[in-house]
Amino acid sequence: MLDLAIQIVGLILCVSLILNLYRLLVGPKLPDRILALDTMFINGIALILLYGIAIENAIYFEAALLIAMLGFVSTSALCKYLLRGDIIE
């Protein structure tokens, strides 16, 4: 039963990533594209965690944590650049 649930959730996350990629490429404005990129980070983290659950390996949880930190920093930097035009003051 868990294997079926993992496959269904994996399929849903892959569809979500494809829709996020569409929004990233076609997004009408720059904030929409930044939000799509941040959502892609979150969906990527969910896929990594799902894979870690599927193969029962804990190292993927640490990798997901590192990617989450990278996603937060990159989104913050892009938003600051969008608002001020400069990242470092």
C-alpha atoms as a PDB file:
ATOM      1  CA  MET A   1       0.000   0.000   0.000  1.00  0.00           C
ATOM      2  CA  LEU A   2       2.841   2.402   0.807  1.00  0.00           C
ATOM      3  CA  ASP A   3       4.479   1.673  -2.547  1.00  0.00           C
ATOM      4  CA  LEU A   4       1.313   2.651  -4.390  1.00  0.00           C
ATOM      5  CA  ALA A   5       0.986   5.862  -2.372  1.00  0.00           C
ATOM      6  CA  ILE A   6       4.628   6.754  -3.086  1.00  0.00           C
ATOM      7  CA  GLN A   7       4.103   6.236  -6.814  1.00  0.00           C
ATOM      8  CA  ILE A   8       0.937   8.347  -6.882  1.00  0.00           C
ATOM      9  CA  VAL A   9       2.522  11.191  -4.909  1.00  0.00           C
ATOM     10  CA  GLY A  10       5.631  11.022  -7.111  1.00  0.00           C
ATOM     11  CA  LEU A  11       3.489  11.348 -10.231  1.00  0.00           C
ATOM     12  CA  ILE A  12       1.602  14.306  -8.772  1.00  0.00           C
ATOM     13  CA  LEU A  13       4.870  16.025  -7.816  1.00  0.00           C
ATOM     14  CA  CYS A  14       6.276  15.497 -11.316  1.00  0.00           C
ATOM     15  CA  VAL A  15       3.173  17.064 -12.863  1.00  0.00           C
ATOM     16  CA  SER A  16       3.511  19.937 -10.426  1.00  0.00           C
ATOM     17  CA  LEU A  17       7.146  20.438 -11.435  1.00  0.00           C
ATOM     18  CA  ILE A  18       6.164  20.546 -15.118  1.00  0.00           C
ATOM     19  CA  LEU A  19       3.515  23.182 -14.383  1.00  0.00           C
ATOM     20  CA  ASN A  20       6.043  25.184 -12.365  1.00  0.00           C
ATOM     21  CA  LEU A  21       8.504  25.015 -15.245  1.00  0.00           C
ATOM     22  CA  TYR A  22       5.814  26.376 -17.551  1.00  0.00           C
ATOM     23  CA  ARG A  23       5.184  29.288 -15.175  1.00  0.00           C
ATOM     24  CA  LEU A  24       8.931  29.888 -14.889  1.00  0.00           C
ATOM     25  CA  LEU A  25       9.355  30.124 -18.652  1.00  0.00           C
ATOM     26  CA  VAL A  26       6.121  31.940 -19.554  1.00  0.00           C
ATOM     27  CA  GLY A  27       5.467  33.968 -16.384  1.00  0.00           C
ATOM     28  CA  PRO A  28       4.113  37.393 -17.241  1.00  0.00           C
ATOM     29  CA  LYS A  29       6.269  39.242 -14.722  1.00  0.00           C
ATOM     30  CA  LEU A  30       9.501  38.680 -12.851  1.00  0.00           C
ATOM     31  CA  PRO A  31       7.889  38.122  -9.408  1.00  0.00           C
ATOM     32  CA  ASP A  32       5.823  35.293 -10.912  1.00  0.00           C
ATOM     33  CA  ARG A  33       8.997  33.659 -12.174  1.00  0.00           C
ATOM     34  CA  ILE A  34      10.736  34.013  -8.810  1.00  0.00           C
ATOM     35  CA  LEU A  35       7.737  32.449  -7.081  1.00  0.00           C
ATOM     36  CA  ALA A  36       7.713  29.593  -9.610  1.00  0.00           C
ATOM     37  CA  LEU A  37      11.406  28.965  -8.959  1.00  0.00           C
ATOM     38  CA  ASP A  38      10.811  28.882  -5.211  1.00  0.00           C
ATOM     39  CA  THR A  39       7.925  26.468  -5.671  1.00  0.00           C
ATOM     40  CA  MET A  40      10.159  24.273  -7.839  1.00  0.00           C
ATOM     41  CA  PHE A  41      12.650  24.138  -4.960  1.00  0.00           C
ATOM     42  CA  ILE A  42       9.882  23.006  -2.619  1.00  0.00           C
ATOM     43  CA  ASN A  43       8.634  20.348  -5.037  1.00  0.00           C
ATOM     44  CA  GLY A  44      12.191  19.140  -5.612  1.00  0.00           C
ATOM     45  CA  ILE A  45      12.667  18.805  -1.869  1.00  0.00           C
ATOM     46  CA  ALA A  46       9.437  16.820  -1.650  1.00  0.00           C
ATOM     47  CA  LEU A  47      10.632  14.486  -4.408  1.00  0.00           C
ATOM     48  CA  ILE A  48      13.951  13.922  -2.661  1.00  0.00           C
ATOM     49  CA  LEU A  49      12.175  13.181   0.625  1.00  0.00           C
ATOM     50  CA  LEU A  50       9.789  10.837  -1.142  1.00  0.00           C
ATOM     51  CA  TYR A  51      12.696   8.977  -2.712  1.00  0.00           C
ATOM     52  CA  GLY A  52      14.380   8.737   0.689  1.00  0.00           C
ATOM     53  CA  ILE A  53      11.232   7.220   2.139  1.00  0.00           C
ATOM     54  CA  ALA A  54      10.930   4.789  -0.768  1.00  0.00           C
ATOM     55  CA  ILE A  55      14.449   3.377  -0.427  1.00  0.00           C
ATOM     56  CA  GLU A  56      14.557   3.811   3.359  1.00  0.00           C
ATOM     57  CA  ASN A  57      17.777   5.824   3.416  1.00  0.00           C
ATOM     58  CA  ALA A  58      18.201   8.760   5.806  1.00  0.00           C
ATOM     59  CA  ILE A  59      20.949  10.570   3.868  1.00  0.00           C
ATOM     60  CA  TYR A  60      18.351  12.065   1.504  1.00  0.00           C
ATOM     61  CA  PHE A  61      16.778  13.966   4.375  1.00  0.00           C
ATOM     62  CA  GLU A  62      20.041  15.825   4.950  1.00  0.00           C
ATOM     63  CA  ALA A  63      20.308  16.563   1.229  1.00  0.00           C
ATOM     64  CA  ALA A  64      16.761  17.946   1.291  1.00  0.00           C
ATOM     65  CA  LEU A  65      17.694  20.212   4.198  1.00  0.00           C
ATOM     66  CA  LEU A  66      20.674  21.592   2.279  1.00  0.00           C
ATOM     67  CA  ILE A  67      18.558  22.229  -0.804  1.00  0.00           C
ATOM     68  CA  ALA A  68      15.936  23.969   1.360  1.00  0.00           C
ATOM     69  CA  MET A  69      18.591  26.328   2.730  1.00  0.00           C
ATOM     70  CA  LEU A  70      19.886  26.998  -0.781  1.00  0.00           C
ATOM     71  CA  GLY A  71      16.355  27.712  -1.998  1.00  0.00           C
ATOM     72  CA  PHE A  72      15.687  30.147   0.828  1.00  0.00           C
ATOM     73  CA  VAL A  73      18.914  32.074   0.268  1.00  0.00           C
ATOM     74  CA  SER A  74      18.475  32.248  -3.493  1.00  0.00           C
ATOM     75  CA  THR A  75      14.862  33.393  -3.240  1.00  0.00           C
ATOM     76  CA  SER A  76      15.809  36.047  -0.694  1.00  0.00           C
ATOM     77  CA  ALA A  77      18.659  37.287  -2.878  1.00  0.00           C
ATOM     78  CA  LEU A  78      16.472  37.450  -5.989  1.00  0.00           C
ATOM     79  CA  CYS A  79      13.738  39.346  -4.143  1.00  0.00           C
ATOM     80  CA  LYS A  80      16.239  41.797  -2.699  1.00  0.00           C
ATOM     81  CA  TYR A  81      17.716  42.351  -6.154  1.00  0.00           C
ATOM     82  CA  LEU A  82      14.241  42.864  -7.574  1.00  0.00           C
ATOM     83  CA  LEU A  83      13.332  45.454  -4.926  1.00  0.00           C
ATOM     84  CA  ARG A  84      16.609  47.399  -4.671  1.00  0.00           C
ATOM     85  CA  GLY A  85      18.587  46.563  -7.784  1.00  0.00           C
ATOM     86  CA  ASP A  86      21.600  45.583  -5.666  1.00  0.00           C
ATOM     87  CA  ILE A  87      22.221  42.601  -3.426  1.00  0.00           C
ATOM     88  CA  ILE A  88      25.170  43.823  -1.385  1.00  0.00           C
ATOM     89  CA  GLU A  89      24.808  47.246   0.211  1.00  0.00           C
END
